[in-house]
Amino acid sequence: GLTQKELAERANISQVMVHKLISGKAKESSKLVAIANVLGT
């Protein structure tokens, strides 16, 4: 139920990088663990 902006803020990552990962333009990130924690996975 989060927006891309909210995910970016909670994971301490730029919204641009979140968009790249979700759109498939980026295939990896050092912040993936932080993103997973926010999403409960």
ModelCIF file with pLDDT and N, C-alpha, C, O atoms, coordinates in Angstrom:
data_MODEL
#
_entry.id   MODEL 
#
_entity.id                         1 
_entity.type                       polymer 
_entity.pdbx_number_of_molecules   1 
#
_entity_poly.entity_id                      1 
_entity_poly.type                           'polypeptide(L)' 
_entity_poly.nstd_linkage                   no 
_entity_poly.nstd_monomer                   no 
_entity_poly.pdbx_seq_one_letter_code       GLTQKELAERANISQVMVHKLISGKAKESSKLVAIANVLGT 
_entity_poly.pdbx_seq_one_letter_code_can   GLTQKELAERANISQVMVHKLISGKAKESSKLVAIANVLGT 
_entity_poly.pdbx_strand_id                 A 
#
loop_
_entity_poly_seq.entity_id 
_entity_poly_seq.num 
_entity_poly_seq.mon_id 
_entity_poly_seq.hetero 
1 1  GLY n 
1 2  LEU n 
1 3  THR n 
1 4  GLN n 
1 5  LYS n 
1 6  GLU n 
1 7  LEU n 
1 8  ALA n 
1 9  GLU n 
1 10 ARG n 
1 11 ALA n 
1 12 ASN n 
1 13 ILE n 
1 14 SER n 
1 15 GLN n 
1 16 VAL n 
1 17 MET n 
1 18 VAL n 
1 19 HIS n 
1 20 LYS n 
1 21 LEU n 
1 22 ILE n 
1 23 SER n 
1 24 GLY n 
1 25 LYS n 
1 26 ALA n 
1 27 LYS n 
1 28 GLU n 
1 29 SER n 
1 30 SER n 
1 31 LYS n 
1 32 LEU n 
1 33 VAL n 
1 34 ALA n 
1 35 ILE n 
1 36 ALA n 
1 37 ASN n 
1 38 VAL n 
1 39 LEU n 
1 40 GLY n 
1 41 THR n 
#
_struct_asym.id          A 
_struct_asym.entity_id   1 
#
loop_
_ma_qa_metric.id 
_ma_qa_metric.mode 
_ma_qa_metric.name 
_ma_qa_metric.software_group_id 
_ma_qa_metric.type 
1 global pLDDT . pLDDT 
2 local  pLDDT . pLDDT 
#
_ma_qa_metric_global.metric_id      1 
_ma_qa_metric_global.metric_value   87.51 
_ma_qa_metric_global.model_id       1 
_ma_qa_metric_global.ordinal_id     1 
#
loop_
_ma_qa_metric_local.label_asym_id 
_ma_qa_metric_local.label_comp_id 
_ma_qa_metric_local.label_seq_id 
_ma_qa_metric_local.metric_id 
_ma_qa_metric_local.metric_value 
_ma_qa_metric_local.model_id 
_ma_qa_metric_local.ordinal_id 
A GLY 1  2 88.00 1 1  
A LEU 2  2 88.00 1 2  
A THR 3  2 91.00 1 3  
A GLN 4  2 90.00 1 4  
A LYS 5  2 91.00 1 5  
A GLU 6  2 90.00 1 6  
A LEU 7  2 90.00 1 7  
A ALA 8  2 89.00 1 8  
A GLU 9  2 90.00 1 9  
A ARG 10 2 88.00 1 10 
A ALA 11 2 87.00 1 11 
A ASN 12 2 88.00 1 12 
A ILE 13 2 88.00 1 13 
A SER 14 2 89.00 1 14 
A GLN 15 2 89.00 1 15 
A VAL 16 2 90.00 1 16 
A MET 17 2 89.00 1 17 
A VAL 18 2 89.00 1 18 
A HIS 19 2 91.00 1 19 
A LYS 20 2 90.00 1 20 
A LEU 21 2 90.00 1 21 
A ILE 22 2 90.00 1 22 
A SER 23 2 90.00 1 23 
A GLY 24 2 88.00 1 24 
A LYS 25 2 88.00 1 25 
A ALA 26 2 84.00 1 26 
A LYS 27 2 82.00 1 27 
A GLU 28 2 80.00 1 28 
A SER 29 2 79.00 1 29 
A SER 30 2 77.00 1 30 
A LYS 31 2 82.00 1 31 
A LEU 32 2 86.00 1 32 
A VAL 33 2 87.00 1 33 
A ALA 34 2 87.00 1 34 
A ILE 35 2 90.00 1 35 
A ALA 36 2 88.00 1 36 
A ASN 37 2 87.00 1 37 
A VAL 38 2 88.00 1 38 
A LEU 39 2 89.00 1 39 
A GLY 40 2 85.00 1 40 
A THR 41 2 86.00 1 41 
#
loop_
_atom_site.group_PDB 
_atom_site.id 
_atom_site.type_symbol 
_atom_site.label_atom_id 
_atom_site.label_alt_id 
_atom_site.label_comp_id 
_atom_site.label_asym_id 
_atom_site.label_entity_id 
_atom_site.label_seq_id 
_atom_site.pdbx_PDB_ins_code 
_atom_site.Cartn_x 
_atom_site.Cartn_y 
_atom_site.Cartn_z 
_atom_site.occupancy 
_atom_site.B_iso_or_equiv 
_atom_site.pdbx_formal_charge 
_atom_site.auth_seq_id 
_atom_site.auth_comp_id 
_atom_site.auth_asym_id 
_atom_site.auth_atom_id 
_atom_site.pdbx_PDB_model_num 
ATOM 1   N N  . GLY A 1 1  ? 0.793  -1.218  0.000   1.00 88.00 ? 1  GLY A N  1 
ATOM 2   C CA . GLY A 1 1  ? 0.000  0.000   0.000   1.00 88.00 ? 1  GLY A CA 1 
ATOM 3   C C  . GLY A 1 1  ? 0.827  1.271   0.000   1.00 88.00 ? 1  GLY A C  1 
ATOM 4   O O  . GLY A 1 1  ? 0.287  2.367   0.146   1.00 88.00 ? 1  GLY A O  1 
ATOM 5   N N  . LEU A 1 2  ? 2.133  1.132   -0.163  1.00 88.00 ? 2  LEU A N  1 
ATOM 6   C CA . LEU A 1 2  ? 3.027  2.285   -0.168  1.00 88.00 ? 2  LEU A CA 1 
ATOM 7   C C  . LEU A 1 2  ? 3.170  2.853   -1.575  1.00 88.00 ? 2  LEU A C  1 
ATOM 8   O O  . LEU A 1 2  ? 2.969  2.150   -2.566  1.00 88.00 ? 2  LEU A O  1 
ATOM 9   N N  . THR A 1 3  ? 3.511  4.108   -1.647  1.00 91.00 ? 3  THR A N  1 
ATOM 10  C CA . THR A 1 3  ? 3.862  4.719   -2.926  1.00 91.00 ? 3  THR A CA 1 
ATOM 11  C C  . THR A 1 3  ? 5.358  4.547   -3.149  1.00 91.00 ? 3  THR A C  1 
ATOM 12  O O  . THR A 1 3  ? 6.090  4.190   -2.226  1.00 91.00 ? 3  THR A O  1 
ATOM 13  N N  . GLN A 1 4  ? 5.808  4.799   -4.357  1.00 90.00 ? 4  GLN A N  1 
ATOM 14  C CA . GLN A 1 4  ? 7.247  4.728   -4.634  1.00 90.00 ? 4  GLN A CA 1 
ATOM 15  C C  . GLN A 1 4  ? 8.009  5.738   -3.774  1.00 90.00 ? 4  GLN A C  1 
ATOM 16  O O  . GLN A 1 4  ? 9.115  5.459   -3.310  1.00 90.00 ? 4  GLN A O  1 
ATOM 17  N N  . LYS A 1 5  ? 7.415  6.898   -3.568  1.00 91.00 ? 5  LYS A N  1 
ATOM 18  C CA . LYS A 1 5  ? 8.067  7.934   -2.755  1.00 91.00 ? 5  LYS A CA 1 
ATOM 19  C C  . LYS A 1 5  ? 8.208  7.475   -1.310  1.00 91.00 ? 5  LYS A C  1 
ATOM 20  O O  . LYS A 1 5  ? 9.259  7.652   -0.693  1.00 91.00 ? 5  LYS A O  1 
ATOM 21  N N  . GLU A 1 6  ? 7.141  6.883   -0.775  1.00 90.00 ? 6  GLU A N  1 
ATOM 22  C CA . GLU A 1 6  ? 7.184  6.407   0.617   1.00 90.00 ? 6  GLU A CA 1 
ATOM 23  C C  . GLU A 1 6  ? 8.186  5.279   0.780   1.00 90.00 ? 6  GLU A C  1 
ATOM 24  O O  . GLU A 1 6  ? 8.894  5.222   1.785   1.00 90.00 ? 6  GLU A O  1 
ATOM 25  N N  . LEU A 1 7  ? 8.259  4.376   -0.197  1.00 90.00 ? 7  LEU A N  1 
ATOM 26  C CA . LEU A 1 7  ? 9.239  3.296   -0.145  1.00 90.00 ? 7  LEU A CA 1 
ATOM 27  C C  . LEU A 1 7  ? 10.649 3.859   -0.159  1.00 90.00 ? 7  LEU A C  1 
ATOM 28  O O  . LEU A 1 7  ? 11.514 3.404   0.589   1.00 90.00 ? 7  LEU A O  1 
ATOM 29  N N  . ALA A 1 8  ? 10.876 4.839   -1.001  1.00 89.00 ? 8  ALA A N  1 
ATOM 30  C CA . ALA A 1 8  ? 12.199 5.459   -1.097  1.00 89.00 ? 8  ALA A CA 1 
ATOM 31  C C  . ALA A 1 8  ? 12.611 6.085   0.223   1.00 89.00 ? 8  ALA A C  1 
ATOM 32  O O  . ALA A 1 8  ? 13.749 5.917   0.661   1.00 89.00 ? 8  ALA A O  1 
ATOM 33  N N  . GLU A 1 9  ? 11.699 6.804   0.859   1.00 90.00 ? 9  GLU A N  1 
ATOM 34  C CA . GLU A 1 9  ? 12.007 7.468   2.128   1.00 90.00 ? 9  GLU A CA 1 
ATOM 35  C C  . GLU A 1 9  ? 12.306 6.463   3.222   1.00 90.00 ? 9  GLU A C  1 
ATOM 36  O O  . GLU A 1 9  ? 13.264 6.634   3.976   1.00 90.00 ? 9  GLU A O  1 
ATOM 37  N N  . ARG A 1 10 ? 11.500 5.417   3.319   1.00 88.00 ? 10 ARG A N  1 
ATOM 38  C CA . ARG A 1 10 ? 11.671 4.437   4.396   1.00 88.00 ? 10 ARG A CA 1 
ATOM 39  C C  . ARG A 1 10 ? 12.907 3.566   4.199   1.00 88.00 ? 10 ARG A C  1 
ATOM 40  O O  . ARG A 1 10 ? 13.506 3.102   5.169   1.00 88.00 ? 10 ARG A O  1 
ATOM 41  N N  . ALA A 1 11 ? 13.283 3.348   2.954   1.00 87.00 ? 11 ALA A N  1 
ATOM 42  C CA . ALA A 1 11 ? 14.459 2.528   2.663   1.00 87.00 ? 11 ALA A CA 1 
ATOM 43  C C  . ALA A 1 11 ? 15.725 3.365   2.544   1.00 87.00 ? 11 ALA A C  1 
ATOM 44  O O  . ALA A 1 11 ? 16.810 2.827   2.321   1.00 87.00 ? 11 ALA A O  1 
ATOM 45  N N  . ASN A 1 12 ? 15.587 4.695   2.695   1.00 88.00 ? 12 ASN A N  1 
ATOM 46  C CA . ASN A 1 12 ? 16.737 5.605   2.591   1.00 88.00 ? 12 ASN A CA 1 
ATOM 47  C C  . ASN A 1 12 ? 17.419 5.465   1.235   1.00 88.00 ? 12 ASN A C  1 
ATOM 48  O O  . ASN A 1 12 ? 18.634 5.280   1.153   1.00 88.00 ? 12 ASN A O  1 
ATOM 49  N N  . ILE A 1 13 ? 16.626 5.556   0.181   1.00 88.00 ? 13 ILE A N  1 
ATOM 50  C CA . ILE A 1 13 ? 17.129 5.430   -1.182  1.00 88.00 ? 13 ILE A CA 1 
ATOM 51  C C  . ILE A 1 13 ? 16.425 6.482   -2.028  1.00 88.00 ? 13 ILE A C  1 
ATOM 52  O O  . ILE A 1 13 ? 15.332 6.923   -1.671  1.00 88.00 ? 13 ILE A O  1 
ATOM 53  N N  . SER A 1 14 ? 17.016 6.885   -3.122  1.00 89.00 ? 14 SER A N  1 
ATOM 54  C CA . SER A 1 14 ? 16.397 7.910   -3.960  1.00 89.00 ? 14 SER A CA 1 
ATOM 55  C C  . SER A 1 14 ? 15.164 7.342   -4.669  1.00 89.00 ? 14 SER A C  1 
ATOM 56  O O  . SER A 1 14 ? 15.104 6.158   -4.997  1.00 89.00 ? 14 SER A O  1 
ATOM 57  N N  . GLN A 1 15 ? 14.189 8.216   -4.893  1.00 89.00 ? 15 GLN A N  1 
ATOM 58  C CA . GLN A 1 15 ? 12.983 7.795   -5.601  1.00 89.00 ? 15 GLN A CA 1 
ATOM 59  C C  . GLN A 1 15 ? 13.305 7.408   -7.042  1.00 89.00 ? 15 GLN A C  1 
ATOM 60  O O  . GLN A 1 15 ? 12.628 6.565   -7.631  1.00 89.00 ? 15 GLN A O  1 
ATOM 61  N N  . VAL A 1 16 ? 14.321 8.016   -7.594  1.00 90.00 ? 16 VAL A N  1 
ATOM 62  C CA . VAL A 1 16 ? 14.743 7.684   -8.958  1.00 90.00 ? 16 VAL A CA 1 
ATOM 63  C C  . VAL A 1 16 ? 15.196 6.228   -9.030  1.00 90.00 ? 16 VAL A C  1 
ATOM 64  O O  . VAL A 1 16 ? 14.854 5.512   -9.970  1.00 90.00 ? 16 VAL A O  1 
ATOM 65  N N  . MET A 1 17 ? 15.974 5.792   -8.023  1.00 89.00 ? 17 MET A N  1 
ATOM 66  C CA . MET A 1 17 ? 16.447 4.405   -8.028  1.00 89.00 ? 17 MET A CA 1 
ATOM 67  C C  . MET A 1 17 ? 15.288 3.432   -7.841  1.00 89.00 ? 17 MET A C  1 
ATOM 68  O O  . MET A 1 17 ? 15.262 2.371   -8.464  1.00 89.00 ? 17 MET A O  1 
ATOM 69  N N  . VAL A 1 18 ? 14.333 3.786   -6.990  1.00 89.00 ? 18 VAL A N  1 
ATOM 70  C CA . VAL A 1 18 ? 13.162 2.929   -6.802  1.00 89.00 ? 18 VAL A CA 1 
ATOM 71  C C  . VAL A 1 18 ? 12.426 2.759   -8.126  1.00 89.00 ? 18 VAL A C  1 
ATOM 72  O O  . VAL A 1 18 ? 12.030 1.652   -8.490  1.00 89.00 ? 18 VAL A O  1 
ATOM 73  N N  . HIS A 1 19 ? 12.248 3.860   -8.838  1.00 91.00 ? 19 HIS A N  1 
ATOM 74  C CA . HIS A 1 19 ? 11.560 3.801   -10.129 1.00 91.00 ? 19 HIS A CA 1 
ATOM 75  C C  . HIS A 1 19 ? 12.329 2.924   -11.119 1.00 91.00 ? 19 HIS A C  1 
ATOM 76  O O  . HIS A 1 19 ? 11.730 2.143   -11.858 1.00 91.00 ? 19 HIS A O  1 
ATOM 77  N N  . LYS A 1 20 ? 13.654 3.056   -11.130 1.00 90.00 ? 20 LYS A N  1 
ATOM 78  C CA . LYS A 1 20 ? 14.466 2.245   -12.051 1.00 90.00 ? 20 LYS A CA 1 
ATOM 79  C C  . LYS A 1 20 ? 14.328 0.762   -11.748 1.00 90.00 ? 20 LYS A C  1 
ATOM 80  O O  . LYS A 1 20 ? 14.228 -0.055  -12.663 1.00 90.00 ? 20 LYS A O  1 
ATOM 81  N N  . LEU A 1 21 ? 14.322 0.410   -10.453 1.00 90.00 ? 21 LEU A N  1 
ATOM 82  C CA . LEU A 1 21 ? 14.191 -0.999  -10.079 1.00 90.00 ? 21 LEU A CA 1 
ATOM 83  C C  . LEU A 1 21 ? 12.821 -1.542  -10.438 1.00 90.00 ? 21 LEU A C  1 
ATOM 84  O O  . LEU A 1 21 ? 12.709 -2.655  -10.953 1.00 90.00 ? 21 LEU A O  1 
ATOM 85  N N  . ILE A 1 22 ? 11.785 -0.771  -10.174 1.00 90.00 ? 22 ILE A N  1 
ATOM 86  C CA . ILE A 1 22 ? 10.427 -1.231  -10.433 1.00 90.00 ? 22 ILE A CA 1 
ATOM 87  C C  . ILE A 1 22 ? 10.129 -1.295  -11.931 1.00 90.00 ? 22 ILE A C  1 
ATOM 88  O O  . ILE A 1 22 ? 9.357  -2.144  -12.378 1.00 90.00 ? 22 ILE A O  1 
ATOM 89  N N  . SER A 1 23 ? 10.734 -0.408  -12.696 1.00 90.00 ? 23 SER A N  1 
ATOM 90  C CA . SER A 1 23 ? 10.519 -0.404  -14.141 1.00 90.00 ? 23 SER A CA 1 
ATOM 91  C C  . SER A 1 23 ? 11.432 -1.385  -14.871 1.00 90.00 ? 23 SER A C  1 
ATOM 92  O O  . SER A 1 23 ? 11.262 -1.623  -16.067 1.00 90.00 ? 23 SER A O  1 
ATOM 93  N N  . GLY A 1 24 ? 12.396 -1.952  -14.154 1.00 88.00 ? 24 GLY A N  1 
ATOM 94  C CA . GLY A 1 24 ? 13.306 -2.909  -14.768 1.00 88.00 ? 24 GLY A CA 1 
ATOM 95  C C  . GLY A 1 24 ? 14.527 -2.286  -15.400 1.00 88.00 ? 24 GLY A C  1 
ATOM 96  O O  . GLY A 1 24 ? 15.352 -2.996  -15.977 1.00 88.00 ? 24 GLY A O  1 
ATOM 97  N N  . LYS A 1 25 ? 14.665 -0.962  -15.306 1.00 88.00 ? 25 LYS A N  1 
ATOM 98  C CA . LYS A 1 25 ? 15.832 -0.292  -15.888 1.00 88.00 ? 25 LYS A CA 1 
ATOM 99  C C  . LYS A 1 25 ? 17.102 -0.569  -15.081 1.00 88.00 ? 25 LYS A C  1 
ATOM 100 O O  . LYS A 1 25 ? 18.211 -0.517  -15.614 1.00 88.00 ? 25 LYS A O  1 
ATOM 101 N N  . ALA A 1 26 ? 16.928 -0.865  -13.784 1.00 84.00 ? 26 ALA A N  1 
ATOM 102 C CA . ALA A 1 26 ? 18.056 -1.258  -12.927 1.00 84.00 ? 26 ALA A CA 1 
ATOM 103 C C  . ALA A 1 26 ? 17.811 -2.688  -12.449 1.00 84.00 ? 26 ALA A C  1 
ATOM 104 O O  . ALA A 1 26 ? 16.699 -3.030  -12.048 1.00 84.00 ? 26 ALA A O  1 
ATOM 105 N N  . LYS A 1 27 ? 18.844 -3.517  -12.493 1.00 82.00 ? 27 LYS A N  1 
ATOM 106 C CA . LYS A 1 27 ? 18.698 -4.932  -12.163 1.00 82.00 ? 27 LYS A CA 1 
ATOM 107 C C  . LYS A 1 27 ? 19.187 -5.261  -10.764 1.00 82.00 ? 27 LYS A C  1 
ATOM 108 O O  . LYS A 1 27 ? 18.949 -6.365  -10.275 1.00 82.00 ? 27 LYS A O  1 
ATOM 109 N N  . GLU A 1 28 ? 19.871 -4.321  -10.104 1.00 80.00 ? 28 GLU A N  1 
ATOM 110 C CA . GLU A 1 28 ? 20.389 -4.596  -8.767  1.00 80.00 ? 28 GLU A CA 1 
ATOM 111 C C  . GLU A 1 28 ? 20.619 -3.274  -8.042  1.00 80.00 ? 28 GLU A C  1 
ATOM 112 O O  . GLU A 1 28 ? 20.657 -2.208  -8.656  1.00 80.00 ? 28 GLU A O  1 
ATOM 113 N N  . SER A 1 29 ? 20.772 -3.367  -6.711  1.00 79.00 ? 29 SER A N  1 
ATOM 114 C CA . SER A 1 29 ? 21.051 -2.196  -5.890  1.00 79.00 ? 29 SER A CA 1 
ATOM 115 C C  . SER A 1 29 ? 21.591 -2.652  -4.547  1.00 79.00 ? 29 SER A C  1 
ATOM 116 O O  . SER A 1 29 ? 21.173 -3.685  -4.024  1.00 79.00 ? 29 SER A O  1 
ATOM 117 N N  . SER A 1 30 ? 22.525 -1.882  -3.984  1.00 77.00 ? 30 SER A N  1 
ATOM 118 C CA . SER A 1 30 ? 23.075 -2.207  -2.664  1.00 77.00 ? 30 SER A CA 1 
ATOM 119 C C  . SER A 1 30 ? 22.034 -1.974  -1.569  1.00 77.00 ? 30 SER A C  1 
ATOM 120 O O  . SER A 1 30 ? 22.225 -2.396  -0.429  1.00 77.00 ? 30 SER A O  1 
ATOM 121 N N  . LYS A 1 31 ? 20.931 -1.304  -1.916  1.00 82.00 ? 31 LYS A N  1 
ATOM 122 C CA . LYS A 1 31 ? 19.876 -1.004  -0.951  1.00 82.00 ? 31 LYS A CA 1 
ATOM 123 C C  . LYS A 1 31 ? 18.743 -2.029  -0.991  1.00 82.00 ? 31 LYS A C  1 
ATOM 124 O O  . LYS A 1 31 ? 17.688 -1.812  -0.395  1.00 82.00 ? 31 LYS A O  1 
ATOM 125 N N  . LEU A 1 32 ? 18.961 -3.143  -1.691  1.00 86.00 ? 32 LEU A N  1 
ATOM 126 C CA . LEU A 1 32 ? 17.887 -4.116  -1.877  1.00 86.00 ? 32 LEU A CA 1 
ATOM 127 C C  . LEU A 1 32 ? 17.430 -4.716  -0.546  1.00 86.00 ? 32 LEU A C  1 
ATOM 128 O O  . LEU A 1 32 ? 16.246 -4.996  -0.360  1.00 86.00 ? 32 LEU A O  1 
ATOM 129 N N  . VAL A 1 33 ? 18.374 -4.912  0.378   1.00 87.00 ? 33 VAL A N  1 
ATOM 130 C CA . VAL A 1 33 ? 18.015 -5.455  1.689   1.00 87.00 ? 33 VAL A CA 1 
ATOM 131 C C  . VAL A 1 33 ? 17.117 -4.480  2.436   1.00 87.00 ? 33 VAL A C  1 
ATOM 132 O O  . VAL A 1 33 ? 16.132 -4.879  3.057   1.00 87.00 ? 33 VAL A O  1 
ATOM 133 N N  . ALA A 1 34 ? 17.465 -3.198  2.372   1.00 87.00 ? 34 ALA A N  1 
ATOM 134 C CA . ALA A 1 34 ? 16.656 -2.180  3.041   1.00 87.00 ? 34 ALA A CA 1 
ATOM 135 C C  . ALA A 1 34 ? 15.260 -2.110  2.427   1.00 87.00 ? 34 ALA A C  1 
ATOM 136 O O  . ALA A 1 34 ? 14.269 -1.970  3.144   1.00 87.00 ? 34 ALA A O  1 
ATOM 137 N N  . ILE A 1 35 ? 15.184 -2.207  1.107   1.00 90.00 ? 35 ILE A N  1 
ATOM 138 C CA . ILE A 1 35 ? 13.894 -2.196  0.418   1.00 90.00 ? 35 ILE A CA 1 
ATOM 139 C C  . ILE A 1 35 ? 13.053 -3.397  0.856   1.00 90.00 ? 35 ILE A C  1 
ATOM 140 O O  . ILE A 1 35 ? 11.860 -3.270  1.133   1.00 90.00 ? 35 ILE A O  1 
ATOM 141 N N  . ALA A 1 36 ? 13.697 -4.557  0.913   1.00 88.00 ? 36 ALA A N  1 
ATOM 142 C CA . ALA A 1 36 ? 12.992 -5.778  1.314   1.00 88.00 ? 36 ALA A CA 1 
ATOM 143 C C  . ALA A 1 36 ? 12.459 -5.657  2.738   1.00 88.00 ? 36 ALA A C  1 
ATOM 144 O O  . ALA A 1 36 ? 11.343 -6.092  3.024   1.00 88.00 ? 36 ALA A O  1 
ATOM 145 N N  . ASN A 1 37 ? 13.255 -5.064  3.637   1.00 87.00 ? 37 ASN A N  1 
ATOM 146 C CA . ASN A 1 37 ? 12.805 -4.899  5.021   1.00 87.00 ? 37 ASN A CA 1 
ATOM 147 C C  . ASN A 1 37 ? 11.547 -4.036  5.093   1.00 87.00 ? 37 ASN A C  1 
ATOM 148 O O  . ASN A 1 37 ? 10.618 -4.344  5.840   1.00 87.00 ? 37 ASN A O  1 
ATOM 149 N N  . VAL A 1 38 ? 11.522 -2.963  4.320   1.00 88.00 ? 38 VAL A N  1 
ATOM 150 C CA . VAL A 1 38 ? 10.355 -2.076  4.311   1.00 88.00 ? 38 VAL A CA 1 
ATOM 151 C C  . VAL A 1 38 ? 9.124  -2.817  3.792   1.00 88.00 ? 38 VAL A C  1 
ATOM 152 O O  . VAL A 1 38 ? 8.017  -2.612  4.290   1.00 88.00 ? 38 VAL A O  1 
ATOM 153 N N  . LEU A 1 39 ? 9.317  -3.668  2.801   1.00 89.00 ? 39 LEU A N  1 
ATOM 154 C CA . LEU A 1 39 ? 8.203  -4.388  2.177   1.00 89.00 ? 39 LEU A CA 1 
ATOM 155 C C  . LEU A 1 39 ? 7.846  -5.675  2.916   1.00 89.00 ? 39 LEU A C  1 
ATOM 156 O O  . LEU A 1 39 ? 6.935  -6.396  2.507   1.00 89.00 ? 39 LEU A O  1 
ATOM 157 N N  . GLY A 1 40 ? 8.561  -5.963  4.003   1.00 85.00 ? 40 GLY A N  1 
ATOM 158 C CA . GLY A 1 40 ? 8.253  -7.146  4.791   1.00 85.00 ? 40 GLY A CA 1 
ATOM 159 C C  . GLY A 1 40 ? 8.622  -8.441  4.118   1.00 85.00 ? 40 GLY A C  1 
ATOM 160 O O  . GLY A 1 40 ? 7.929  -9.446  4.273   1.00 85.00 ? 40 GLY A O  1 
ATOM 161 N N  . THR A 1 41 ? 9.711  -8.428  3.369   1.00 86.00 ? 41 THR A N  1 
ATOM 162 C CA . THR A 1 41 ? 10.159 -9.630  2.681   1.00 86.00 ? 41 THR A CA 1 
ATOM 163 C C  . THR A 1 41 ? 11.675 -9.725  2.761   1.00 86.00 ? 41 THR A C  1 
ATOM 164 O O  . THR A 1 41 ? 12.262 -10.673 2.240   1.00 86.00 ? 41 THR A O  1 
#
